[in-house]
Amino acid sequence: MAWPDTKGDPVLCSLFLLACLTAALVFAARPKLRGAVRNAAGRPASPGAPHDAVPGQDPQTLEGVLSRQLVTGRITGPQYRQAMAGLASRDAKRHPLDPPPPADPPEPA
């Protein structure tokens, strides 16, 4: 029995190499992925996460403060969404949107 022609092997090797690289990237990013899944589920990234881990300027708005607290793990996803819903409700009461003026109906063609 003769061995099959091996001219298609570079394609298979390339696919295998791509699969190995993808697996290595997923394995390397696993802690970050786990933290993202926990945040999406509404739990802090880890119980001992430092609260001032995000460098830079202090946020100037309440939305910025809430975002910073969410990223650093001080509040959970559901707490963030509830606070943002309260802000949206307050803004809607303080600054209601004016509806556009009524437009003339288009003439039938």
PDB file of N, CA and C in Angstrom:
ATOM      1  N   MET A   1       0.839  -1.168   0.000  1.00  0.00           N
ATOM      2  CA  MET A   1       0.000   0.000   0.000  1.00  0.00           C
ATOM      3  C   MET A   1       0.892   1.243   0.000  1.00  0.00           C
ATOM      4  N   ALA A   2       0.609   2.182  -0.867  1.00  0.00           N
ATOM      5  CA  ALA A   2       1.418   3.395  -1.014  1.00  0.00           C
ATOM      6  C   ALA A   2       0.862   4.506  -0.119  1.00  0.00           C
ATOM      7  N   TRP A   3       1.757   5.354   0.346  1.00  0.00           N
ATOM      8  CA  TRP A   3       1.353   6.491   1.154  1.00  0.00           C
ATOM      9  C   TRP A   3       0.681   7.530   0.269  1.00  0.00           C
ATOM     10  N   PRO A   4      -0.324   8.233   0.819  1.00  0.00           N
ATOM     11  CA  PRO A   4      -0.992   9.253   0.005  1.00  0.00           C
ATOM     12  C   PRO A   4      -0.065  10.440  -0.247  1.00  0.00           C
ATOM     13  N   ASP A   5      -0.412  11.207  -1.249  1.00  0.00           N
ATOM     14  CA  ASP A   5       0.364  12.393  -1.606  1.00  0.00           C
ATOM     15  C   ASP A   5       0.283  13.406  -0.457  1.00  0.00           C
ATOM     16  N   THR A   6       1.399  14.027  -0.106  1.00  0.00           N
ATOM     17  CA  THR A   6       1.440  14.935   1.042  1.00  0.00           C
ATOM     18  C   THR A   6       1.484  16.403   0.633  1.00  0.00           C
ATOM     19  N   LYS A   7       0.976  16.739  -0.546  1.00  0.00           N
ATOM     20  CA  LYS A   7       1.010  18.139  -0.974  1.00  0.00           C
ATOM     21  C   LYS A   7      -0.021  18.997  -0.227  1.00  0.00           C
ATOM     22  N   GLY A   8      -1.034  18.426   0.372  1.00  0.00           N
ATOM     23  CA  GLY A   8      -2.030  19.178   1.118  1.00  0.00           C
ATOM     24  C   GLY A   8      -1.644  19.391   2.580  1.00  0.00           C
ATOM     25  N   ASP A   9      -0.509  18.852   2.997  1.00  0.00           N
ATOM     26  CA  ASP A   9      -0.086  18.960   4.387  1.00  0.00           C
ATOM     27  C   ASP A   9       0.181  20.390   4.852  1.00  0.00           C
ATOM     28  N   PRO A  10       0.710  21.309   4.037  1.00  0.00           N
ATOM     29  CA  PRO A  10       0.913  22.678   4.533  1.00  0.00           C
ATOM     30  C   PRO A  10      -0.392  23.341   4.994  1.00  0.00           C
ATOM     31  N   VAL A  11      -1.486  23.046   4.322  1.00  0.00           N
ATOM     32  CA  VAL A  11      -2.770  23.620   4.727  1.00  0.00           C
ATOM     33  C   VAL A  11      -3.190  23.038   6.072  1.00  0.00           C
ATOM     34  N   LEU A  12      -3.065  21.748   6.227  1.00  0.00           N
ATOM     35  CA  LEU A  12      -3.420  21.119   7.495  1.00  0.00           C
ATOM     36  C   LEU A  12      -2.510  21.601   8.620  1.00  0.00           C
ATOM     37  N   CYS A  13      -1.239  21.747   8.341  1.00  0.00           N
ATOM     38  CA  CYS A  13      -0.306  22.247   9.356  1.00  0.00           C
ATOM     39  C   CYS A  13      -0.657  23.681   9.750  1.00  0.00           C
ATOM     40  N   SER A  14      -1.030  24.490   8.767  1.00  0.00           N
ATOM     41  CA  SER A  14      -1.418  25.874   9.055  1.00  0.00           C
ATOM     42  C   SER A  14      -2.669  25.916   9.928  1.00  0.00           C
ATOM     43  N   LEU A  15      -3.648  25.076   9.631  1.00  0.00           N
ATOM     44  CA  LEU A  15      -4.865  25.029  10.437  1.00  0.00           C
ATOM     45  C   LEU A  15      -4.566  24.550  11.854  1.00  0.00           C
ATOM     46  N   PHE A  16      -3.709  23.552  11.968  1.00  0.00           N
ATOM     47  CA  PHE A  16      -3.326  23.057  13.285  1.00  0.00           C
ATOM     48  C   PHE A  16      -2.594  24.137  14.077  1.00  0.00           C
ATOM     49  N   LEU A  17      -1.685  24.856  13.428  1.00  0.00           N
ATOM     50  CA  LEU A  17      -0.951  25.930  14.083  1.00  0.00           C
ATOM     51  C   LEU A  17      -1.906  27.042  14.525  1.00  0.00           C
ATOM     52  N   LEU A  18      -2.871  27.383  13.682  1.00  0.00           N
ATOM     53  CA  LEU A  18      -3.858  28.400  14.042  1.00  0.00           C
ATOM     54  C   LEU A  18      -4.683  27.958  15.250  1.00  0.00           C
ATOM     55  N   ALA A  19      -5.080  26.691  15.282  1.00  0.00           N
ATOM     56  CA  ALA A  19      -5.839  26.170  16.415  1.00  0.00           C
ATOM     57  C   ALA A  19      -5.002  26.217  17.698  1.00  0.00           C
ATOM     58  N   CYS A  20      -3.725  25.886  17.604  1.00  0.00           N
ATOM     59  CA  CYS A  20      -2.846  25.931  18.780  1.00  0.00           C
ATOM     60  C   CYS A  20      -2.656  27.354  19.280  1.00  0.00           C
ATOM     61  N   LEU A  21      -2.476  28.304  18.368  1.00  0.00           N
ATOM     62  CA  LEU A  21      -2.322  29.697  18.767  1.00  0.00           C
ATOM     63  C   LEU A  21      -3.596  30.229  19.418  1.00  0.00           C
ATOM     64  N   THR A  22      -4.742  29.865  18.867  1.00  0.00           N
ATOM     65  CA  THR A  22      -6.011  30.296  19.456  1.00  0.00           C
ATOM     66  C   THR A  22      -6.162  29.723  20.860  1.00  0.00           C
ATOM     67  N   ALA A  23      -5.840  28.464  21.030  1.00  0.00           N
ATOM     68  CA  ALA A  23      -5.930  27.842  22.352  1.00  0.00           C
ATOM     69  C   ALA A  23      -4.972  28.513  23.335  1.00  0.00           C
ATOM     70  N   ALA A  24      -3.783  28.872  22.883  1.00  0.00           N
ATOM     71  CA  ALA A  24      -2.820  29.541  23.757  1.00  0.00           C
ATOM     72  C   ALA A  24      -3.323  30.920  24.168  1.00  0.00           C
ATOM     73  N   LEU A  25      -3.919  31.655  23.235  1.00  0.00           N
ATOM     74  CA  LEU A  25      -4.461  32.974  23.562  1.00  0.00           C
ATOM     75  C   LEU A  25      -5.608  32.875  24.553  1.00  0.00           C
ATOM     76  N   VAL A  26      -6.487  31.908  24.365  1.00  0.00           N
ATOM     77  CA  VAL A  26      -7.605  31.724  25.291  1.00  0.00           C
ATOM     78  C   VAL A  26      -7.078  31.348  26.667  1.00  0.00           C
ATOM     79  N   PHE A  27      -6.089  30.481  26.710  1.00  0.00           N
ATOM     80  CA  PHE A  27      -5.513  30.077  27.987  1.00  0.00           C
ATOM     81  C   PHE A  27      -4.847  31.261  28.680  1.00  0.00           C
ATOM     82  N   ALA A  28      -4.140  32.111  27.912  1.00  0.00           N
ATOM     83  CA  ALA A  28      -3.459  33.260  28.496  1.00  0.00           C
ATOM     84  C   ALA A  28      -4.457  34.311  28.987  1.00  0.00           C
ATOM     85  N   ALA A  29      -5.575  34.461  28.294  1.00  0.00           N
ATOM     86  CA  ALA A  29      -6.562  35.482  28.651  1.00  0.00           C
ATOM     87  C   ALA A  29      -7.614  34.960  29.627  1.00  0.00           C
ATOM     88  N   ARG A  30      -7.465  33.734  30.078  1.00  0.00           N
ATOM     89  CA  ARG A  30      -8.476  33.118  30.926  1.00  0.00           C
ATOM     90  C   ARG A  30      -8.820  33.913  32.184  1.00  0.00           C
ATOM     91  N   PRO A  31      -7.858  34.449  32.940  1.00  0.00           N
ATOM     92  CA  PRO A  31      -8.237  35.235  34.127  1.00  0.00           C
ATOM     93  C   PRO A  31      -9.058  36.475  33.762  1.00  0.00           C
ATOM     94  N   LYS A  32      -8.696  37.153  32.681  1.00  0.00           N
ATOM     95  CA  LYS A  32      -9.456  38.330  32.268  1.00  0.00           C
ATOM     96  C   LYS A  32     -10.849  37.934  31.807  1.00  0.00           C
ATOM     97  N   LEU A  33     -10.947  36.816  31.087  1.00  0.00           N
ATOM     98  CA  LEU A  33     -12.259  36.355  30.639  1.00  0.00           C
ATOM     99  C   LEU A  33     -13.132  35.983  31.831  1.00  0.00           C
ATOM    100  N   ARG A  34     -12.530  35.336  32.820  1.00  0.00           N
ATOM    101  CA  ARG A  34     -13.282  34.949  34.001  1.00  0.00           C
ATOM    102  C   ARG A  34     -13.797  36.190  34.729  1.00  0.00           C
ATOM    103  N   GLY A  35     -12.966  37.233  34.833  1.00  0.00           N
ATOM    104  CA  GLY A  35     -13.388  38.470  35.474  1.00  0.00           C
ATOM    105  C   GLY A  35     -14.511  39.144  34.699  1.00  0.00           C
ATOM    106  N   ALA A  36     -14.431  39.113  33.364  1.00  0.00           N
ATOM    107  CA  ALA A  36     -15.488  39.717  32.551  1.00  0.00           C
ATOM    108  C   ALA A  36     -16.798  38.966  32.723  1.00  0.00           C
ATOM    109  N   VAL A  37     -16.731  37.652  32.810  1.00  0.00           N
ATOM    110  CA  VAL A  37     -17.939  36.857  33.011  1.00  0.00           C
ATOM    111  C   VAL A  37     -18.537  37.146  34.386  1.00  0.00           C
ATOM    112  N   ARG A  38     -17.699  37.265  35.392  1.00  0.00           N
ATOM    113  CA  ARG A  38     -18.202  37.571  36.734  1.00  0.00           C
ATOM    114  C   ARG A  38     -18.862  38.947  36.772  1.00  0.00           C
ATOM    115  N   ASN A  39     -18.255  39.941  36.118  1.00  0.00           N
ATOM    116  CA  ASN A  39     -18.854  41.274  36.083  1.00  0.00           C
ATOM    117  C   ASN A  39     -20.181  41.249  35.347  1.00  0.00           C
ATOM    118  N   ALA A  40     -20.255  40.489  34.279  1.00  0.00           N
ATOM    119  CA  ALA A  40     -21.503  40.405  33.527  1.00  0.00           C
ATOM    120  C   ALA A  40     -22.577  39.707  34.352  1.00  0.00           C
ATOM    121  N   ALA A  41     -22.173  38.805  35.221  1.00  0.00           N
ATOM    122  CA  ALA A  41     -23.128  38.104  36.069  1.00  0.00           C
ATOM    123  C   ALA A  41     -23.534  38.932  37.283  1.00  0.00           C
ATOM    124  N   GLY A  42     -22.883  40.070  37.487  1.00  0.00           N
ATOM    125  CA  GLY A  42     -23.270  40.941  38.586  1.00  0.00           C
ATOM    126  C   GLY A  42     -22.474  40.751  39.854  1.00  0.00           C
ATOM    127  N   ARG A  43     -21.364  40.033  39.770  1.00  0.00           N
ATOM    128  CA  ARG A  43     -20.525  39.844  40.948  1.00  0.00           C
ATOM    129  C   ARG A  43     -19.218  40.602  40.760  1.00  0.00           C
ATOM    130  N   PRO A  44     -18.613  41.064  41.826  1.00  0.00           N
ATOM    131  CA  PRO A  44     -17.313  41.716  41.695  1.00  0.00           C
ATOM    132  C   PRO A  44     -16.271  40.742  41.156  1.00  0.00           C
ATOM    133  N   ALA A  45     -15.229  41.273  40.529  1.00  0.00           N
ATOM    134  CA  ALA A  45     -14.201  40.450  39.910  1.00  0.00           C
ATOM    135  C   ALA A  45     -13.527  39.532  40.925  1.00  0.00           C
ATOM    136  N   SER A  46     -13.164  40.054  42.068  1.00  0.00           N
ATOM    137  CA  SER A  46     -12.599  39.225  43.128  1.00  0.00           C
ATOM    138  C   SER A  46     -12.828  39.944  44.453  1.00  0.00           C
ATOM    139  N   PRO A  47     -12.955  39.185  45.538  1.00  0.00           N
ATOM    140  CA  PRO A  47     -13.259  39.830  46.807  1.00  0.00           C
ATOM    141  C   PRO A  47     -12.162  40.756  47.286  1.00  0.00           C
ATOM    142  N   GLY A  48     -10.922  40.496  46.938  1.00  0.00           N
ATOM    143  CA  GLY A  48      -9.813  41.321  47.408  1.00  0.00           C
ATOM    144  C   GLY A  48      -9.314  42.298  46.369  1.00  0.00           C
ATOM    145  N   ALA A  49     -10.147  42.676  45.391  1.00  0.00           N
ATOM    146  CA  ALA A  49      -9.701  43.586  44.338  1.00  0.00           C
ATOM    147  C   ALA A  49      -9.425  44.965  44.923  1.00  0.00           C
ATOM    148  N   PRO A  50      -8.300  45.566  44.536  1.00  0.00           N
ATOM    149  CA  PRO A  50      -8.013  46.910  45.041  1.00  0.00           C
ATOM    150  C   PRO A  50      -9.004  47.905  44.452  1.00  0.00           C
ATOM    151  N   HIS A  51      -9.529  48.793  45.297  1.00  0.00           N
ATOM    152  CA  HIS A  51     -10.569  49.714  44.846  1.00  0.00           C
ATOM    153  C   HIS A  51     -10.003  50.885  44.071  1.00  0.00           C
ATOM    154  N   ASP A  52      -8.748  51.194  44.249  1.00  0.00           N
ATOM    155  CA  ASP A  52      -8.152  52.309  43.524  1.00  0.00           C
ATOM    156  C   ASP A  52      -7.176  51.804  42.469  1.00  0.00           C
ATOM    157  N   ALA A  53      -7.531  50.728  41.791  1.00  0.00           N
ATOM    158  CA  ALA A  53      -6.638  50.119  40.825  1.00  0.00           C
ATOM    159  C   ALA A  53      -6.611  50.852  39.500  1.00  0.00           C
ATOM    160  N   VAL A  54      -7.596  51.707  39.256  1.00  0.00           N
ATOM    161  CA  VAL A  54      -7.657  52.404  37.979  1.00  0.00           C
ATOM    162  C   VAL A  54      -6.942  53.739  38.118  1.00  0.00           C
ATOM    163  N   PRO A  55      -5.829  53.933  37.374  1.00  0.00           N
ATOM    164  CA  PRO A  55      -5.105  55.191  37.486  1.00  0.00           C
ATOM    165  C   PRO A  55      -5.798  56.287  36.691  1.00  0.00           C
ATOM    166  N   GLY A  56      -5.372  57.517  36.904  1.00  0.00           N
ATOM    167  CA  GLY A  56      -5.904  58.624  36.110  1.00  0.00           C
ATOM    168  C   GLY A  56      -6.655  59.616  36.963  1.00  0.00           C
ATOM    169  N   GLN A  57      -7.359  60.506  36.281  1.00  0.00           N
ATOM    170  CA  GLN A  57      -8.094  61.556  36.964  1.00  0.00           C
ATOM    171  C   GLN A  57      -9.351  60.993  37.614  1.00  0.00           C
ATOM    172  N   ASP A  58      -9.815  61.726  38.609  1.00  0.00           N
ATOM    173  CA  ASP A  58     -11.077  61.360  39.232  1.00  0.00           C
ATOM    174  C   ASP A  58     -12.216  61.730  38.290  1.00  0.00           C
ATOM    175  N   PRO A  59     -13.254  60.927  38.249  1.00  0.00           N
ATOM    176  CA  PRO A  59     -14.377  61.236  37.373  1.00  0.00           C
ATOM    177  C   PRO A  59     -15.058  62.536  37.799  1.00  0.00           C
ATOM    178  N   GLN A  60     -15.580  63.270  36.812  1.00  0.00           N
ATOM    179  CA  GLN A  60     -16.212  64.553  37.071  1.00  0.00           C
ATOM    180  C   GLN A  60     -17.731  64.462  37.138  1.00  0.00           C
ATOM    181  N   THR A  61     -18.313  63.332  36.756  1.00  0.00           N
ATOM    182  CA  THR A  61     -19.763  63.185  36.755  1.00  0.00           C
ATOM    183  C   THR A  61     -20.160  61.988  37.597  1.00  0.00           C
ATOM    184  N   LEU A  62     -21.436  61.942  37.966  1.00  0.00           N
ATOM    185  CA  LEU A  62     -21.932  60.815  38.732  1.00  0.00           C
ATOM    186  C   LEU A  62     -21.866  59.529  37.900  1.00  0.00           C
ATOM    187  N   GLU A  63     -22.111  59.657  36.599  1.00  0.00           N
ATOM    188  CA  GLU A  63     -21.994  58.489  35.721  1.00  0.00           C
ATOM    189  C   GLU A  63     -20.563  57.956  35.723  1.00  0.00           C
ATOM    190  N   GLY A  64     -19.597  58.869  35.721  1.00  0.00           N
ATOM    191  CA  GLY A  64     -18.194  58.464  35.769  1.00  0.00           C
ATOM    192  C   GLY A  64     -17.834  57.781  37.071  1.00  0.00           C
ATOM    193  N   VAL A  65     -18.372  58.300  38.168  1.00  0.00           N
ATOM    194  CA  VAL A  65     -18.124  57.690  39.478  1.00  0.00           C
ATOM    195  C   VAL A  65     -18.699  56.275  39.506  1.00  0.00           C
ATOM    196  N   LEU A  66     -19.921  56.120  38.992  1.00  0.00           N
ATOM    197  CA  LEU A  66     -20.537  54.784  38.976  1.00  0.00           C
ATOM    198  C   LEU A  66     -19.748  53.833  38.090  1.00  0.00           C
ATOM    199  N   SER A  67     -19.296  54.321  36.945  1.00  0.00           N
ATOM    200  CA  SER A  67     -18.497  53.467  36.049  1.00  0.00           C
ATOM    201  C   SER A  67     -17.207  53.031  36.725  1.00  0.00           C
ATOM    202  N   ARG A  68     -16.552  53.965  37.409  1.00  0.00           N
ATOM    203  CA  ARG A  68     -15.309  53.631  38.106  1.00  0.00           C
ATOM    204  C   ARG A  68     -15.575  52.588  39.188  1.00  0.00           C
ATOM    205  N   GLN A  69     -16.676  52.755  39.932  1.00  0.00           N
ATOM    206  CA  GLN A  69     -16.998  51.782  40.979  1.00  0.00           C
ATOM    207  C   GLN A  69     -17.297  50.409  40.397  1.00  0.00           C
ATOM    208  N   LEU A  70     -17.935  50.371  39.231  1.00  0.00           N
ATOM    209  CA  LEU A  70     -18.218  49.086  38.588  1.00  0.00           C
ATOM    210  C   LEU A  70     -16.930  48.411  38.147  1.00  0.00           C
ATOM    211  N   VAL A  71     -16.038  49.177  37.533  1.00  0.00           N
ATOM    212  CA  VAL A  71     -14.788  48.607  37.023  1.00  0.00           C
ATOM    213  C   VAL A  71     -13.901  48.114  38.159  1.00  0.00           C
ATOM    214  N   THR A  72     -13.872  48.844  39.256  1.00  0.00           N
ATOM    215  CA  THR A  72     -13.001  48.448  40.365  1.00  0.00           C
ATOM    216  C   THR A  72     -13.623  47.415  41.291  1.00  0.00           C
ATOM    217  N   GLY A  73     -14.896  47.082  41.083  1.00  0.00           N
ATOM    218  CA  GLY A  73     -15.519  46.037  41.870  1.00  0.00           C
ATOM    219  C   GLY A  73     -16.202  46.513  43.137  1.00  0.00           C
ATOM    220  N   ARG A  74     -16.350  47.812  43.308  1.00  0.00           N
ATOM    221  CA  ARG A  74     -17.039  48.317  44.505  1.00  0.00           C
ATOM    222  C   ARG A  74     -18.541  48.053  44.440  1.00  0.00           C
ATOM    223  N   ILE A  75     -19.100  48.063  43.236  1.00  0.00           N
ATOM    224  CA  ILE A  75     -20.520  47.759  43.063  1.00  0.00           C
ATOM    225  C   ILE A  75     -20.659  46.666  42.022  1.00  0.00           C
ATOM    226  N   THR A  76     -21.778  45.982  42.052  1.00  0.00           N
ATOM    227  CA  THR A  76     -22.034  44.903  41.102  1.00  0.00           C
ATOM    228  C   THR A  76     -22.765  45.446  39.881  1.00  0.00           C
ATOM    229  N   GLY A  77     -22.894  44.611  38.873  1.00  0.00           N
ATOM    230  CA  GLY A  77     -23.607  44.992  37.665  1.00  0.00           C
ATOM    231  C   GLY A  77     -25.047  45.406  37.924  1.00  0.00           C
ATOM    232  N   PRO A  78     -25.815  44.626  38.683  1.00  0.00           N
ATOM    233  CA  PRO A  78     -27.195  45.042  38.973  1.00  0.00           C
ATOM    234  C   PRO A  78     -27.271  46.354  39.761  1.00  0.00           C
ATOM    235  N   GLN A  79     -26.338  46.577  40.671  1.00  0.00           N
ATOM    236  CA  GLN A  79     -26.331  47.843  41.407  1.00  0.00           C
ATOM    237  C   GLN A  79     -26.059  49.010  40.466  1.00  0.00           C
ATOM    238  N   TYR A  80     -25.134  48.808  39.535  1.00  0.00           N
ATOM    239  CA  TYR A  80     -24.811  49.847  38.550  1.00  0.00           C
ATOM    240  C   TYR A  80     -26.024  50.156  37.679  1.00  0.00           C
ATOM    241  N   ARG A  81     -26.684  49.117  37.184  1.00  0.00           N
ATOM    242  CA  ARG A  81     -27.856  49.333  36.326  1.00  0.00           C
ATOM    243  C   ARG A  81     -28.981  50.031  37.084  1.00  0.00           C
ATOM    244  N   GLN A  82     -29.185  49.679  38.347  1.00  0.00           N
ATOM    245  CA  GLN A  82     -30.225  50.319  39.145  1.00  0.00           C
ATOM    246  C   GLN A  82     -29.895  51.795  39.364  1.00  0.00           C
ATOM    247  N   ALA A  83     -28.646  52.095  39.655  1.00  0.00           N
ATOM    248  CA  ALA A  83     -28.253  53.494  39.859  1.00  0.00           C
ATOM    249  C   ALA A  83     -28.385  54.290  38.572  1.00  0.00           C
ATOM    250  N   MET A  84     -28.000  53.711  37.433  1.00  0.00           N
ATOM    251  CA  MET A  84     -28.116  54.413  36.156  1.00  0.00           C
ATOM    252  C   MET A  84     -29.578  54.620  35.778  1.00  0.00           C
ATOM    253  N   ALA A  85     -30.443  53.664  36.109  1.00  0.00           N
ATOM    254  CA  ALA A  85     -31.879  53.841  35.842  1.00  0.00           C
ATOM    255  C   ALA A  85     -32.430  54.989  36.686  1.00  0.00           C
ATOM    256  N   GLY A  86     -31.989  55.101  37.918  1.00  0.00           N
ATOM    257  CA  GLY A  86     -32.410  56.211  38.768  1.00  0.00           C
ATOM    258  C   GLY A  86     -31.937  57.551  38.219  1.00  0.00           C
ATOM    259  N   LEU A  87     -30.688  57.585  37.705  1.00  0.00           N
ATOM    260  CA  LEU A  87     -30.184  58.818  37.093  1.00  0.00           C
ATOM    261  C   LEU A  87     -30.994  59.192  35.857  1.00  0.00           C
ATOM    262  N   ALA A  88     -31.315  58.204  35.045  1.00  0.00           N
ATOM    263  CA  ALA A  88     -32.093  58.475  33.834  1.00  0.00           C
ATOM    264  C   ALA A  88     -33.477  58.995  34.186  1.00  0.00           C
ATOM    265  N   SER A  89     -34.089  58.430  35.212  1.00  0.00           N
ATOM    266  CA  SER A  89     -35.404  58.878  35.648  1.00  0.00           C
ATOM    267  C   SER A  89     -35.336  60.314  36.160  1.00  0.00           C
ATOM    268  N   ARG A  90     -34.327  60.616  36.952  1.00  0.00           N
ATOM    269  CA  ARG A  90     -34.160  61.967  37.479  1.00  0.00           C
ATOM    270  C   ARG A  90     -33.932  62.974  36.350  1.00  0.00           C
ATOM    271  N   ASP A  91     -33.085  62.599  35.376  1.00  0.00           N
ATOM    272  CA  ASP A  91     -32.832  63.497  34.250  1.00  0.00           C
ATOM    273  C   ASP A  91     -34.082  63.716  33.412  1.00  0.00           C
ATOM    274  N   ALA A  92     -34.904  62.691  33.263  1.00  0.00           N
ATOM    275  CA  ALA A  92     -36.131  62.831  32.477  1.00  0.00           C
ATOM    276  C   ALA A  92     -37.102  63.790  33.165  1.00  0.00           C
ATOM    277  N   LYS A  93     -37.115  63.797  34.492  1.00  0.00           N
ATOM    278  CA  LYS A  93     -37.995  64.715  35.219  1.00  0.00           C
ATOM    279  C   LYS A  93     -37.462  66.143  35.188  1.00  0.00           C
ATOM    280  N   ARG A  94     -36.144  66.288  35.314  1.00  0.00           N
ATOM    281  CA  ARG A  94     -35.546  67.625  35.346  1.00  0.00           C
ATOM    282  C   ARG A  94     -35.489  68.278  33.967  1.00  0.00           C
ATOM    283  N   HIS A  95     -35.208  67.473  32.960  1.00  0.00           N
ATOM    284  CA  HIS A  95     -35.035  67.997  31.604  1.00  0.00           C
ATOM    285  C   HIS A  95     -35.850  67.167  30.617  1.00  0.00           C
ATOM    286  N   PRO A  96     -37.162  67.349  30.609  1.00  0.00           N
ATOM    287  CA  PRO A  96     -37.967  66.548  29.685  1.00  0.00           C
ATOM    288  C   PRO A  96     -37.675  66.944  28.233  1.00  0.00           C
ATOM    289  N   LEU A  97     -37.779  65.971  27.366  1.00  0.00           N
ATOM    290  CA  LEU A  97     -37.566  66.230  25.943  1.00  0.00           C
ATOM    291  C   LEU A  97     -38.810  66.866  25.347  1.00  0.00           C
ATOM    292  N   ASP A  98     -38.604  67.879  24.531  1.00  0.00           N
ATOM    293  CA  ASP A  98     -39.714  68.499  23.829  1.00  0.00           C
ATOM    294  C   ASP A  98     -39.987  67.710  22.556  1.00  0.00           C
ATOM    295  N   PRO A  99     -41.254  67.367  22.316  1.00  0.00           N
ATOM    296  CA  PRO A  99     -41.543  66.646  21.071  1.00  0.00           C
ATOM    297  C   PRO A  99     -41.369  67.593  19.884  1.00  0.00           C
ATOM    298  N   PRO A 100     -41.042  67.053  18.730  1.00  0.00           N
ATOM    299  CA  PRO A 100     -40.875  67.909  17.557  1.00  0.00           C
ATOM    300  C   PRO A 100     -42.216  68.532  17.168  1.00  0.00           C
ATOM    301  N   PRO A 101     -42.185  69.694  16.502  1.00  0.00           N
ATOM    302  CA  PRO A 101     -43.439  70.314  16.092  1.00  0.00           C
ATOM    303  C   PRO A 101     -44.157  69.416  15.085  1.00  0.00           C
ATOM    304  N   PRO A 102     -45.477  69.473  15.088  1.00  0.00           N
ATOM    305  CA  PRO A 102     -46.201  68.617  14.151  1.00  0.00           C
ATOM    306  C   PRO A 102     -45.879  69.025  12.706  1.00  0.00           C
ATOM    307  N   ALA A 103     -45.632  68.043  11.906  1.00  0.00           N
ATOM    308  CA  ALA A 103     -45.306  68.297  10.501  1.00  0.00           C
ATOM    309  C   ALA A 103     -46.574  68.187   9.671  1.00  0.00           C
ATOM    310  N   ASP A 104     -46.606  68.918   8.591  1.00  0.00           N
ATOM    311  CA  ASP A 104     -47.739  68.807   7.679  1.00  0.00           C
ATOM    312  C   ASP A 104     -47.717  67.423   7.059  1.00  0.00           C
ATOM    313  N   PRO A 105     -48.871  66.786   6.952  1.00  0.00           N
ATOM    314  CA  PRO A 105     -48.876  65.459   6.338  1.00  0.00           C
ATOM    315  C   PRO A 105     -48.496  65.581   4.857  1.00  0.00           C
ATOM    316  N   PRO A 106     -47.799  64.599   4.347  1.00  0.00           N
ATOM    317  CA  PRO A 106     -47.398  64.670   2.924  1.00  0.00           C
ATOM    318  C   PRO A 106     -48.633  64.572   2.032  1.00  0.00           C
ATOM    319  N   GLU A 107     -48.546  65.260   0.943  1.00  0.00           N
ATOM    320  CA  GLU A 107     -49.647  65.219  -0.026  1.00  0.00           C
ATOM    321  C   GLU A 107     -49.610  63.904  -0.767  1.00  0.00           C
ATOM    322  N   PRO A 108     -50.792  63.335  -1.033  1.00  0.00           N
ATOM    323  CA  PRO A 108     -50.804  62.066  -1.785  1.00  0.00           C
ATOM    324  C   PRO A 108     -50.276  62.297  -3.198  1.00  0.00           C
ATOM    325  N   ALA A 109     -49.563  61.342  -3.696  1.00  0.00           N
ATOM    326  CA  ALA A 109     -48.973  61.460  -5.028  1.00  0.00           C
ATOM    327  C   ALA A 109     -49.931  61.072  -6.124  1.00  0.00           C
TER     328      ALA A 109
END
